[in-house]
Amino acid sequence: MYRSAAHDFSNVRPQKIIQFSTTHRPKQVSCLSDWQWVKRIKQALVKNQFCLYLQQASALQTLDFRQYYEVLLRLRDDEGNLIPPAIFLPIAERYQLMPQVEKWVFQAFLEQLSQANSRVLENCRFAINLSEFHLINYQFIEHFHQYLMDFGVATEAVCFEIQENTALSNLKLASDFITEFAGVRILFCPRHCGSRMSFLHLISETSCR
């Protein structure tokens, strides 16, 4: 259940229950070949057919007063159907299209966030997934800092989600990344976190929560 970020960033209210719409998966999408999907993904980038959605998440126990939302990606086809990422992202990864897709995601996310009102920014936090490609790419740090300057967003409302396995496979880079963005008050959230001591050590050694 999801709702368009284009509306959520401007209309979301603290302590308000949000009604979400359901993602629809057309039956014909599974019949497309890899090449057809590559063409469709490239078309979506050109025609701006990707869209961001928010999913509210509630912690069982937390000291953070902010409401927490995950930023999710969908692809809207020519008929207006929403296609979930499990359908098209594996193709994007296989054919090296993820850098372009994720660049669109980050720019669209920050643009929407820059248009949110001050109450939303003060009372909500928006988590965006960070792939291994960007975690190990030092240029991304520079690019994202530039995005922040271009859109003038409140960094306290931004949270990066990183897969535990991704961080463990790139401990030094993950540590550098977390430390860098902790300096501008962006939070870090591990996804699918277990109890492996190396990952807990990484968190304890950085200034990020």
Protein backbone atom coordinates (compact mmCIF):
# COMPACT_ATOMS: atom_id res chain seq x y z
CA MET A 1 0.00 0.00 0.00
CA TYR A 2 1.59 3.23 -1.15
CA ARG A 3 0.86 6.84 -1.89
CA SER A 4 2.49 9.25 -4.34
CA ALA A 5 5.37 11.23 -2.90
CA ALA A 6 4.34 14.17 -5.07
CA HIS A 7 1.35 14.56 -2.76
CA ASP A 8 2.79 13.19 0.48
CA PHE A 9 5.68 15.63 0.83
CA SER A 10 3.32 18.58 0.58
CA ASN A 11 0.26 17.14 2.32
CA VAL A 12 1.53 14.71 4.96
CA ARG A 13 0.66 15.84 8.48
CA PRO A 14 2.22 14.72 11.75
CA GLN A 15 -0.03 12.34 13.69
CA LYS A 16 -2.35 11.92 10.72
CA ILE A 17 -3.23 8.51 9.31
CA ILE A 18 -2.52 8.37 5.57
CA GLN A 19 -4.67 6.43 3.11
CA PHE A 20 -2.58 4.53 0.58
CA SER A 21 -3.41 3.27 -2.89
CA THR A 22 -2.54 -0.23 -4.07
CA THR A 23 0.20 -1.00 -6.56
CA HIS A 24 -1.19 -2.76 -9.63
CA ARG A 25 0.85 -5.31 -11.54
CA PRO A 26 -0.33 -5.75 -15.15
CA LYS A 27 -0.40 -9.36 -16.28
CA GLN A 28 1.51 -8.65 -19.49
CA VAL A 29 4.66 -7.32 -17.81
CA SER A 30 6.00 -10.80 -17.12
CA CYS A 31 5.85 -11.58 -20.84
CA LEU A 32 8.37 -8.92 -21.84
CA SER A 33 11.88 -9.90 -22.87
CA ASP A 34 14.97 -8.39 -21.28
CA TRP A 35 15.50 -6.20 -24.33
CA GLN A 36 11.93 -4.92 -24.16
CA TRP A 37 12.44 -4.07 -20.49
CA VAL A 38 15.68 -2.25 -21.23
CA LYS A 39 13.83 -0.18 -23.82
CA ARG A 40 10.98 0.51 -21.38
CA ILE A 41 13.34 1.58 -18.58
CA LYS A 42 15.22 3.95 -20.89
CA GLN A 43 11.88 5.34 -22.08
CA ALA A 44 10.77 5.86 -18.48
CA LEU A 45 13.90 7.88 -17.78
CA VAL A 46 13.32 10.09 -20.82
CA LYS A 47 9.56 10.50 -20.33
CA ASN A 48 9.70 10.78 -16.55
CA GLN A 49 7.51 7.70 -16.03
CA PHE A 50 9.11 6.72 -12.74
CA CYS A 51 7.36 7.90 -9.60
CA LEU A 52 8.15 7.92 -5.90
CA TYR A 53 5.83 6.60 -3.22
CA LEU A 54 5.91 6.75 0.55
CA GLN A 55 5.22 3.94 2.98
CA GLN A 56 4.82 4.86 6.63
CA ALA A 57 6.71 2.69 9.11
CA SER A 58 6.10 2.60 12.86
CA ALA A 59 8.71 1.52 15.38
CA LEU A 60 7.67 -0.67 18.29
CA GLN A 61 9.88 1.42 20.55
CA THR A 62 11.80 4.60 19.74
CA LEU A 63 12.98 7.87 21.26
CA ASP A 64 12.67 9.63 17.91
CA PHE A 65 9.57 11.85 17.81
CA ARG A 66 9.56 12.03 14.02
CA GLN A 67 7.24 9.93 11.89
CA TYR A 68 9.20 7.64 9.60
CA TYR A 69 8.52 7.07 5.90
CA GLU A 70 10.29 4.85 3.39
CA VAL A 71 10.71 6.25 -0.12
CA LEU A 72 9.80 3.64 -2.74
CA LEU A 73 10.14 3.55 -6.51
CA ARG A 74 7.45 2.57 -9.03
CA LEU A 75 7.24 2.65 -12.81
CA ARG A 76 4.06 3.93 -14.42
CA ASP A 77 3.28 2.32 -17.78
CA ASP A 78 1.46 3.94 -20.70
CA GLU A 79 -1.92 2.83 -19.30
CA GLY A 80 -1.22 4.36 -15.90
CA ASN A 81 -0.56 1.05 -14.13
CA LEU A 82 2.07 1.04 -11.38
CA ILE A 83 4.76 -1.60 -11.78
CA PRO A 84 6.67 -2.65 -8.62
CA PRO A 85 10.49 -2.53 -8.60
CA ALA A 86 10.88 -6.30 -8.25
CA ILE A 87 9.78 -6.50 -11.88
CA PHE A 88 12.15 -3.99 -13.50
CA LEU A 89 15.08 -3.37 -11.13
CA PRO A 90 16.74 -6.78 -11.73
CA ILE A 91 16.82 -5.90 -15.45
CA ALA A 92 18.23 -2.45 -14.67
CA GLU A 93 20.96 -4.05 -12.56
CA ARG A 94 21.78 -6.67 -15.20
CA TYR A 95 22.19 -4.11 -17.97
CA GLN A 96 23.99 -1.40 -15.95
CA LEU A 97 21.04 1.00 -15.88
CA MET A 98 20.92 1.41 -12.10
CA PRO A 99 23.17 4.50 -11.98
CA GLN A 100 20.73 6.38 -14.24
CA VAL A 101 17.68 5.09 -12.37
CA GLU A 102 19.08 5.96 -8.95
CA LYS A 103 20.22 9.38 -10.12
CA TRP A 104 16.60 10.04 -11.09
CA VAL A 105 15.44 8.77 -7.68
CA PHE A 106 17.78 10.98 -5.67
CA GLN A 107 17.03 14.10 -7.69
CA ALA A 108 13.26 13.54 -7.64
CA PHE A 109 13.34 12.78 -3.91
CA LEU A 110 15.25 15.94 -3.02
CA GLU A 111 13.13 18.06 -5.33
CA GLN A 112 9.94 16.84 -3.64
CA LEU A 113 11.49 17.27 -0.20
CA SER A 114 12.48 20.85 -1.01
CA GLN A 115 8.79 21.62 -1.64
CA ALA A 116 7.55 20.22 1.67
CA ASN A 117 6.36 22.63 4.33
CA SER A 118 8.38 23.27 7.48
CA ARG A 119 6.09 21.24 9.78
CA VAL A 120 6.63 18.14 7.66
CA LEU A 121 10.40 18.60 7.66
CA GLU A 122 10.44 19.12 11.43
CA ASN A 123 8.21 16.15 12.29
CA CYS A 124 8.94 13.54 9.63
CA ARG A 125 11.93 11.58 8.42
CA PHE A 126 12.23 10.09 4.93
CA ALA A 127 14.43 7.05 4.34
CA ILE A 128 15.87 6.30 0.93
CA ASN A 129 17.67 3.10 0.00
CA LEU A 130 21.34 3.33 -0.92
CA SER A 131 22.69 0.66 -3.27
CA GLU A 132 26.17 -0.82 -3.23
CA PHE A 133 26.97 1.09 -6.42
CA HIS A 134 26.67 4.43 -4.63
CA LEU A 135 28.20 3.21 -1.38
CA ILE A 136 31.47 2.28 -3.12
CA ASN A 137 31.47 5.30 -5.42
CA TYR A 138 33.30 8.20 -3.79
CA GLN A 139 31.99 10.56 -6.46
CA PHE A 140 28.49 10.01 -5.13
CA ILE A 141 29.36 11.84 -1.91
CA GLU A 142 30.35 14.90 -3.91
CA HIS A 143 27.32 14.61 -6.18
CA PHE A 144 24.87 14.24 -3.30
CA HIS A 145 26.35 17.22 -1.49
CA GLN A 146 25.78 19.18 -4.70
CA TYR A 147 22.19 17.94 -4.87
CA LEU A 148 21.65 19.14 -1.29
CA MET A 149 22.97 22.57 -2.21
CA ASP A 150 20.93 22.74 -5.42
CA PHE A 151 17.64 21.91 -3.72
CA GLY A 152 18.35 23.43 -0.31
CA VAL A 153 16.69 20.61 1.65
CA ALA A 154 16.67 20.12 5.41
CA THR A 155 19.12 17.26 5.91
CA GLU A 156 17.61 16.29 9.28
CA ALA A 157 14.64 14.87 7.38
CA VAL A 158 16.85 12.55 5.29
CA CYS A 159 17.88 9.02 6.24
CA PHE A 160 19.92 6.56 4.18
CA GLU A 161 19.04 2.87 4.40
CA ILE A 162 21.91 0.45 3.69
CA GLN A 163 21.67 -3.32 3.51
CA GLU A 164 23.68 -5.04 6.25
CA ASN A 165 25.40 -7.38 3.78
CA THR A 166 26.35 -4.42 1.58
CA ALA A 167 27.92 -2.59 4.51
CA LEU A 168 29.76 -5.70 5.72
CA SER A 169 31.20 -6.28 2.25
CA ASN A 170 32.49 -2.71 2.14
CA LEU A 171 33.28 -1.87 5.77
CA LYS A 172 35.86 0.86 5.13
CA LEU A 173 33.77 2.57 2.46
CA ALA A 174 30.62 2.25 4.56
CA SER A 175 32.39 3.78 7.55
CA ASP A 176 33.68 6.69 5.44
CA PHE A 177 30.24 7.20 3.95
CA ILE A 178 28.43 7.21 7.29
CA THR A 179 30.96 9.55 8.87
CA GLU A 180 30.78 11.97 5.93
CA PHE A 181 27.01 12.33 5.95
CA ALA A 182 26.73 12.31 9.73
CA GLY A 183 28.61 15.59 9.48
CA VAL A 184 25.64 17.16 7.71
CA ARG A 185 23.11 15.53 10.08
CA ILE A 186 21.86 12.84 7.71
CA LEU A 187 21.01 9.66 9.57
CA PHE A 188 21.92 6.09 8.71
CA CYS A 189 19.59 3.12 9.06
CA PRO A 190 20.72 -0.50 8.52
CA ARG A 191 18.28 -2.75 6.66
CA HIS A 192 17.86 -6.43 7.57
CA CYS A 193 20.28 -5.95 10.42
CA GLY A 194 21.27 -9.04 12.40
CA SER A 195 23.66 -9.42 15.31
CA ARG A 196 26.98 -9.71 13.51
CA MET A 197 29.61 -7.99 15.61
CA SER A 198 31.50 -6.43 12.69
CA PHE A 199 28.42 -4.47 11.70
CA LEU A 200 27.70 -3.40 15.27
CA HIS A 201 31.33 -2.32 15.55
CA LEU A 202 30.96 -0.25 12.38
CA ILE A 203 27.99 1.58 13.87
CA SER A 204 29.70 2.16 17.21
CA GLU A 205 32.83 3.52 15.53
CA THR A 206 30.97 6.22 13.61
CA SER A 207 29.30 9.37 14.83
CA CYS A 208 26.05 8.40 13.13
CA ARG A 209 23.08 6.76 14.83
